[in-house]
């Protein structure tokens, strides 16, 4: 089987800093070749000095990357890019600032040709530290973008106070405790933190366990700032850590040991068909009975993709784990259904 090309879906609200990140990818000498699919060249403001060749709607950059626009159909563009296979190592798709990333992510599950050639590597969301809290109140898309993410860049974090940053981080964690979070200024993050995450391998996703939300705070209680009213800022900031987002939840479950694929596969298929609209993302690594390889799956709404990946290593405990992120999830139903799949 040919190596599938990893695809990163890049999302984030207008002005959060996606363009800065894309410009870095298209211009820095990182020695990797990315194909970047953007909505409009205008937004990126491609520097003509960097363009070495143009062919139809595809521009070649002098650092080896190529750039093209989503005019019409994403599938058509990806099929066009596949004709240039070997010219790039990975694809990055930028979604518009207002968009729900679901349809873009789903493209990589739905179209058979695309699925043969490419795989969804990760959804990366760029969030604006200063405006995110307001966006979460007035824009459901902003919440979707956070819930969908495997990696979040909390950008412009130099423009807010430490207490504000702690608050916005807590708001993000209430929606999505599993994404890898980087606090950035001008999207300055090592590119391999964003690209080639192999987020399909849940080890990466479950690097962060939801328990971490309940750790004791390690503030040094020695020096707190007190304002004129004697308020203890550090305490207020810490008090903000316990957000619950009313309509977004995440459910993580594990079974020590194997599951029965003949029970699990029908259950996950039927459950996501029934509850798909409210499940934004689902992911899991499973130990199937009598199977030396790990079964890894991920889903977007009701569309699932999964296969047997590498062998369980001798030192690894065979644990079957699933994660769901969505709106108004029925945790009891999910728990009962999954637990019934134990071998």
Protein backbone atom coordinates (compact mmCIF):
# COMPACT_ATOMS: atom_id res chain seq x y z
CA UNK A 1 0.00 0.00 0.00
CA UNK A 2 1.45 3.36 -1.03
CA UNK A 3 2.07 5.79 1.80
CA UNK A 4 -0.92 8.09 2.06
CA UNK A 5 -0.14 11.78 2.00
CA UNK A 6 -0.94 13.44 5.33
CA UNK A 7 -3.39 16.33 5.18
CA UNK A 8 -3.61 19.10 7.75
CA UNK A 9 -6.85 21.10 7.88
CA UNK A 10 -6.16 24.61 9.12
CA UNK A 11 -9.02 26.59 10.58
CA UNK A 12 -9.54 29.60 12.79
CA UNK A 13 -11.46 32.82 13.01
CA UNK A 14 -10.73 35.72 10.71
CA UNK A 15 -7.74 37.65 11.98
CA UNK A 16 -6.56 34.94 14.38
CA UNK A 17 -3.31 34.52 12.48
CA UNK A 18 -3.80 31.70 9.96
CA UNK A 19 -2.27 33.83 7.22
CA UNK A 20 0.84 34.42 9.31
CA UNK A 21 1.22 30.68 9.77
CA UNK A 22 0.66 29.99 6.06
CA UNK A 23 3.17 32.64 5.08
CA UNK A 24 5.73 31.00 7.32
CA UNK A 25 5.10 27.65 5.70
CA UNK A 26 5.34 29.09 2.19
CA UNK A 27 8.44 31.19 2.75
CA UNK A 28 10.66 29.78 5.50
CA UNK A 29 13.56 27.49 4.59
CA UNK A 30 12.22 24.51 6.55
CA UNK A 31 13.37 22.01 3.94
CA UNK A 32 9.97 20.30 3.65
CA UNK A 33 7.64 20.47 0.68
CA UNK A 34 4.06 21.31 1.44
CA UNK A 35 1.18 21.78 -0.94
CA UNK A 36 -0.95 24.56 0.52
CA UNK A 37 -4.55 24.97 -0.61
CA UNK A 38 -5.95 28.39 0.30
CA UNK A 39 -9.25 30.13 -0.24
CA UNK A 40 -7.91 33.25 -1.85
CA UNK A 41 -4.41 34.23 -2.82
CA UNK A 42 -5.38 37.78 -1.97
CA UNK A 43 -5.70 36.95 1.71
CA UNK A 44 -2.23 35.46 1.83
CA UNK A 45 -0.66 38.24 -0.22
CA UNK A 46 1.84 35.95 -1.86
CA UNK A 47 5.12 37.72 -2.27
CA UNK A 48 6.00 37.56 -5.97
CA UNK A 49 9.70 37.33 -5.16
CA UNK A 50 8.99 33.93 -3.62
CA UNK A 51 7.15 32.51 -6.62
CA UNK A 52 9.44 30.61 -8.98
CA UNK A 53 6.89 29.13 -11.35
CA UNK A 54 3.16 29.16 -11.96
CA UNK A 55 1.14 26.54 -13.74
CA UNK A 56 -2.64 27.11 -14.03
CA UNK A 57 -3.74 27.88 -10.47
CA UNK A 58 -0.69 26.33 -8.85
CA UNK A 59 2.24 28.48 -7.75
CA UNK A 60 5.64 27.04 -6.92
CA UNK A 61 7.53 28.77 -4.14
CA UNK A 62 11.29 28.99 -3.99
CA UNK A 63 11.40 27.00 -0.74
CA UNK A 64 9.90 24.02 -2.56
CA UNK A 65 6.32 24.44 -1.41
CA UNK A 66 3.42 24.83 -3.81
CA UNK A 67 0.27 26.86 -3.34
CA UNK A 68 -3.14 26.73 -5.02
CA UNK A 69 -6.65 28.06 -4.39
CA UNK A 70 -9.88 26.29 -3.63
CA UNK A 71 -11.86 27.41 -6.67
CA UNK A 72 -14.89 25.25 -6.51
CA UNK A 73 -14.26 21.68 -5.68
CA UNK A 74 -11.73 20.55 -3.11
CA UNK A 75 -11.82 17.00 -4.43
CA UNK A 76 -10.93 18.15 -7.93
CA UNK A 77 -7.98 20.13 -6.59
CA UNK A 78 -6.66 17.25 -4.53
CA UNK A 79 -6.94 14.92 -7.50
CA UNK A 80 -5.00 17.50 -9.51
CA UNK A 81 -2.34 17.69 -6.82
CA UNK A 82 -2.04 13.90 -6.78
CA UNK A 83 -0.86 14.04 -10.38
CA UNK A 84 2.17 15.86 -8.98
CA UNK A 85 2.82 13.20 -6.39
CA UNK A 86 6.41 13.16 -5.26
CA UNK A 87 6.63 16.94 -5.47
CA UNK A 88 5.40 17.43 -1.92
CA UNK A 89 5.29 15.60 1.39
CA UNK A 90 2.04 16.87 2.85
CA UNK A 91 -1.04 18.93 2.04
CA UNK A 92 -2.38 21.84 4.08
CA UNK A 93 -5.95 23.00 3.46
CA UNK A 94 -7.05 26.35 4.82
CA UNK A 95 -10.75 26.73 5.54
CA UNK A 96 -12.43 30.12 5.53
CA UNK A 97 -12.63 32.01 8.78
CA UNK A 98 -16.37 31.50 9.08
CA UNK A 99 -16.50 27.89 8.11
CA UNK A 100 -17.19 24.81 10.10
CA UNK A 101 -14.18 22.56 9.37
CA UNK A 102 -16.38 19.46 9.18
CA UNK A 103 -17.09 19.40 5.44
CA UNK A 104 -13.42 19.89 4.61
CA UNK A 105 -12.35 17.16 7.02
CA UNK A 106 -15.09 14.88 5.67
CA UNK A 107 -13.72 15.17 2.13
CA UNK A 108 -10.84 12.95 3.22
CA UNK A 109 -13.23 10.22 4.31
CA UNK A 110 -15.87 10.38 1.63
CA UNK A 111 -14.24 10.44 -1.79
CA UNK A 112 -12.72 7.03 -2.55
CA UNK A 113 -9.92 8.38 -4.76
CA UNK A 114 -8.94 10.98 -2.20
CA UNK A 115 -9.12 8.42 0.58
CA UNK A 116 -6.77 6.13 -1.31
CA UNK A 117 -4.23 8.88 -1.75
CA UNK A 118 -4.50 11.04 1.37
CA UNK A 119 -5.36 10.80 5.04
CA UNK A 120 -6.51 13.40 7.51
CA UNK A 121 -3.50 14.05 9.71
CA UNK A 122 -4.85 16.72 12.04
CA UNK A 123 -7.19 19.65 12.34
CA UNK A 124 -5.27 22.71 13.51
CA UNK A 125 -7.18 25.72 14.85
CA UNK A 126 -5.63 29.15 15.25
CA UNK A 127 -7.43 31.08 18.00
CA UNK A 128 -7.02 34.71 18.95
CA UNK A 129 -6.24 35.04 22.66
CA UNK A 130 -7.73 38.52 22.79
CA UNK A 131 -11.03 37.94 21.01
CA UNK A 132 -11.75 34.25 21.45
CA UNK A 133 -13.88 34.62 24.58
CA UNK A 134 -16.17 37.08 22.77
CA UNK A 135 -16.29 34.87 19.67
CA UNK A 136 -17.29 31.85 21.74
CA UNK A 137 -20.27 33.83 23.02
CA UNK A 138 -21.52 35.06 19.66
CA UNK A 139 -20.29 32.60 17.05
CA UNK A 140 -21.11 28.88 17.17
CA UNK A 141 -18.51 28.30 14.42
CA UNK A 142 -15.77 29.45 16.75
CA UNK A 143 -16.83 26.77 19.21
CA UNK A 144 -16.93 24.14 16.48
CA UNK A 145 -13.43 25.06 15.40
CA UNK A 146 -12.14 24.55 18.95
CA UNK A 147 -14.07 21.31 19.41
CA UNK A 148 -12.74 19.94 16.13
CA UNK A 149 -9.10 20.68 16.76
CA UNK A 150 -6.31 18.20 17.36
CA UNK A 151 -3.87 21.10 17.77
CA UNK A 152 -4.73 24.63 18.90
CA UNK A 153 -2.49 27.67 18.51
CA UNK A 154 -3.61 30.21 21.09
CA UNK A 155 -2.11 33.08 19.15
CA UNK A 156 -1.52 36.76 20.00
CA UNK A 157 -1.00 35.61 23.56
CA UNK A 158 1.32 38.61 24.05
CA UNK A 159 -1.67 40.95 23.79
CA UNK A 160 -3.46 39.77 26.94
CA UNK A 161 -2.68 39.65 30.64
CA UNK A 162 -1.76 36.39 32.32
CA UNK A 163 -5.17 36.19 33.99
CA UNK A 164 -6.92 36.70 30.63
CA UNK A 165 -4.75 34.04 29.07
CA UNK A 166 -5.59 31.60 31.87
CA UNK A 167 -9.27 32.35 31.39
CA UNK A 168 -9.26 31.83 27.64
CA UNK A 169 -7.28 28.62 28.04
CA UNK A 170 -9.83 27.36 30.55
CA UNK A 171 -12.64 28.17 28.13
CA UNK A 172 -10.86 26.17 25.42
CA UNK A 173 -10.31 23.23 27.76
CA UNK A 174 -13.98 23.20 28.72
CA UNK A 175 -14.82 22.63 25.05
CA UNK A 176 -11.91 20.38 24.11
CA UNK A 177 -9.59 18.92 26.75
CA UNK A 178 -7.73 16.74 24.24
CA UNK A 179 -6.17 19.12 21.77
CA UNK A 180 -2.48 19.89 22.05
CA UNK A 181 -2.34 23.59 22.95
CA UNK A 182 0.49 25.98 22.08
CA UNK A 183 0.49 29.58 23.27
CA UNK A 184 2.05 31.61 20.48
CA UNK A 185 2.96 35.07 19.30
CA UNK A 186 2.79 35.55 15.52
CA UNK A 187 2.19 31.79 15.22
CA UNK A 188 5.83 31.18 16.12
CA UNK A 189 5.71 27.47 16.79
CA UNK A 190 7.98 24.74 15.40
CA UNK A 191 6.25 23.53 12.24
CA UNK A 192 6.43 19.90 13.33
CA UNK A 193 4.21 20.83 16.28
CA UNK A 194 1.50 21.62 13.72
CA UNK A 195 2.28 19.41 10.73
CA UNK A 196 2.88 15.69 10.58
CA UNK A 197 1.24 15.23 13.94
CA UNK A 198 -0.11 11.86 12.95
CA UNK A 199 -3.06 12.80 15.09
CA UNK A 200 -4.72 9.72 13.70
CA UNK A 201 -2.53 7.88 16.16
CA UNK A 202 -4.41 8.53 19.35
CA UNK A 203 -1.29 8.35 21.48
CA UNK A 204 -0.86 11.93 20.42
CA UNK A 205 -4.38 12.90 21.31
CA UNK A 206 -4.33 11.17 24.64
CA UNK A 207 -1.03 12.76 25.57
CA UNK A 208 -3.45 14.99 27.37
CA UNK A 209 -5.71 13.23 29.79
CA UNK A 210 -8.75 15.09 31.00
CA UNK A 211 -7.57 14.48 34.56
CA UNK A 212 -5.03 17.21 34.08
CA UNK A 213 -7.87 19.69 34.45
CA UNK A 214 -8.19 18.71 38.08
CA UNK A 215 -4.57 18.99 39.15
CA UNK A 216 -3.72 21.05 42.19
CA UNK A 217 -2.61 24.51 41.24
CA UNK A 218 1.11 25.08 41.58
CA UNK A 219 0.97 28.83 42.06
CA UNK A 220 3.59 30.17 44.37
CA UNK A 221 1.39 31.72 47.00
CA UNK A 222 4.24 33.97 48.11
CA UNK A 223 3.68 36.91 45.78
CA UNK A 224 0.22 37.73 44.57
CA UNK A 225 -0.73 41.05 43.12
CA UNK A 226 -3.29 42.82 45.23
CA UNK A 227 -5.19 45.72 43.77
CA UNK A 228 -6.69 48.58 45.75
CA UNK A 229 -9.63 46.50 46.87
CA UNK A 230 -7.36 43.83 48.20
CA UNK A 231 -8.56 41.37 45.56
CA UNK A 232 -6.32 38.43 45.02
CA UNK A 233 -5.80 38.23 41.25
CA UNK A 234 -3.96 34.97 41.18
CA UNK A 235 -6.86 33.40 42.99
CA UNK A 236 -9.42 34.81 40.63
CA UNK A 237 -7.45 33.57 37.66
CA UNK A 238 -7.28 30.17 39.26
CA UNK A 239 -10.98 30.18 40.05
CA UNK A 240 -11.65 30.55 36.33
CA UNK A 241 -10.07 27.20 35.62
CA UNK A 242 -13.29 25.28 36.25
CA UNK A 243 -15.40 26.18 33.25
CA UNK A 244 -18.06 23.90 32.01
CA UNK A 245 -19.23 24.61 28.55
CA UNK A 246 -22.98 24.24 28.60
CA UNK A 247 -23.44 22.66 25.21
CA UNK A 248 -20.07 21.09 24.38
CA UNK A 249 -18.78 18.01 26.10
CA UNK A 250 -16.15 15.41 25.71
CA UNK A 251 -16.44 11.82 26.83
CA UNK A 252 -13.39 9.57 27.17
CA UNK A 253 -13.76 5.91 28.04
CA UNK A 254 -11.39 2.99 28.34
CA UNK A 255 -11.63 -0.74 28.76
CA UNK A 256 -8.62 -2.47 30.26
CA UNK A 257 -8.06 -5.18 27.70
CA UNK A 258 -9.70 -6.33 24.52
CA UNK A 259 -12.97 -5.53 22.83
CA UNK A 260 -14.92 -7.83 20.56
CA UNK A 261 -14.82 -6.36 17.03
CA UNK A 262 -18.08 -8.14 16.17
CA UNK A 263 -19.79 -6.10 18.84
CA UNK A 264 -17.75 -2.89 18.67
CA UNK A 265 -17.86 -2.21 14.92
CA UNK A 266 -21.67 -2.51 14.55
CA UNK A 267 -22.14 -0.46 17.72
CA UNK A 268 -19.88 2.44 16.70
CA UNK A 269 -21.36 2.51 13.20
CA UNK A 270 -24.95 2.52 14.40
CA UNK A 271 -24.34 4.96 17.24
CA UNK A 272 -22.58 7.52 15.09
CA UNK A 273 -25.30 7.21 12.41
CA UNK A 274 -27.96 7.92 15.02
CA UNK A 275 -26.14 10.63 16.99
CA UNK A 276 -23.88 11.93 14.21
CA UNK A 277 -25.14 15.53 14.11
CA UNK A 278 -24.22 16.02 17.77
CA UNK A 279 -20.86 14.16 17.60
CA UNK A 280 -18.25 16.50 16.14
CA UNK A 281 -15.23 14.22 16.48
CA UNK A 282 -14.77 10.64 17.60
CA UNK A 283 -11.48 8.77 17.94
CA UNK A 284 -10.19 5.58 19.40
CA UNK A 285 -7.45 2.98 19.65
CA UNK A 286 -8.72 -0.52 20.29
CA UNK A 287 -7.29 -3.88 21.17
CA UNK A 288 -9.36 -6.39 19.22
CA UNK A 289 -9.57 -9.94 20.50
CA UNK A 290 -6.90 -12.21 18.91
CA UNK A 291 -5.48 -9.29 16.91
CA UNK A 292 -1.82 -8.31 17.35
CA UNK A 293 -2.34 -4.93 15.61
CA UNK A 294 -3.98 -1.85 17.05
CA UNK A 295 -7.26 -0.76 15.45
CA UNK A 296 -7.31 3.03 15.14
CA UNK A 297 -10.35 5.02 14.05
CA UNK A 298 -11.48 8.61 13.85
CA UNK A 299 -14.69 10.21 12.73
CA UNK A 300 -16.26 13.50 11.77
CA UNK A 301 -19.99 13.55 12.56
CA UNK A 302 -21.34 10.26 11.18
CA UNK A 303 -18.47 9.50 8.85
CA UNK A 304 -15.90 7.07 10.22
CA UNK A 305 -12.55 5.86 8.99
CA UNK A 306 -10.38 3.28 10.66
CA UNK A 307 -7.97 0.45 10.09
CA UNK A 308 -5.43 -1.82 11.73
CA UNK A 309 -2.21 0.07 12.26
CA UNK A 310 1.00 -1.04 13.96
CA UNK A 311 1.41 -3.97 16.34
CA UNK A 312 0.88 -3.49 20.05
CA UNK A 313 4.37 -3.23 21.52
CA UNK A 314 5.37 -5.79 24.17
CA UNK A 315 5.66 -3.06 26.82
CA UNK A 316 2.25 -1.56 25.99
CA UNK A 317 -0.82 -2.45 27.98
CA UNK A 318 -3.63 -3.58 25.72
CA UNK A 319 -6.19 -0.91 26.59
CA UNK A 320 -9.11 0.06 24.38
CA UNK A 321 -9.90 3.78 24.49
CA UNK A 322 -12.43 6.00 22.77
CA UNK A 323 -13.00 9.75 22.83
CA UNK A 324 -16.09 11.67 21.70
CA UNK A 325 -16.35 15.46 21.46
CA UNK A 326 -19.68 17.06 20.65
CA UNK A 327 -22.85 18.84 21.67
CA UNK A 328 -25.10 17.44 24.38
CA UNK A 329 -23.56 13.99 24.24
CA UNK A 330 -25.43 11.17 25.98
CA UNK A 331 -22.59 9.99 28.17
CA UNK A 332 -24.58 7.18 29.83
CA UNK A 333 -25.62 5.78 26.47
CA UNK A 334 -22.10 5.94 25.10
CA UNK A 335 -20.66 4.33 28.23
CA UNK A 336 -23.22 1.50 28.27
CA UNK A 337 -22.74 0.85 24.55
CA UNK A 338 -18.95 0.82 24.67
CA UNK A 339 -18.66 -1.22 27.85
CA UNK A 340 -20.92 -3.88 26.33
CA UNK A 341 -18.25 -4.41 23.66
CA UNK A 342 -15.66 -5.78 26.11
CA UNK A 343 -14.41 -9.16 24.98
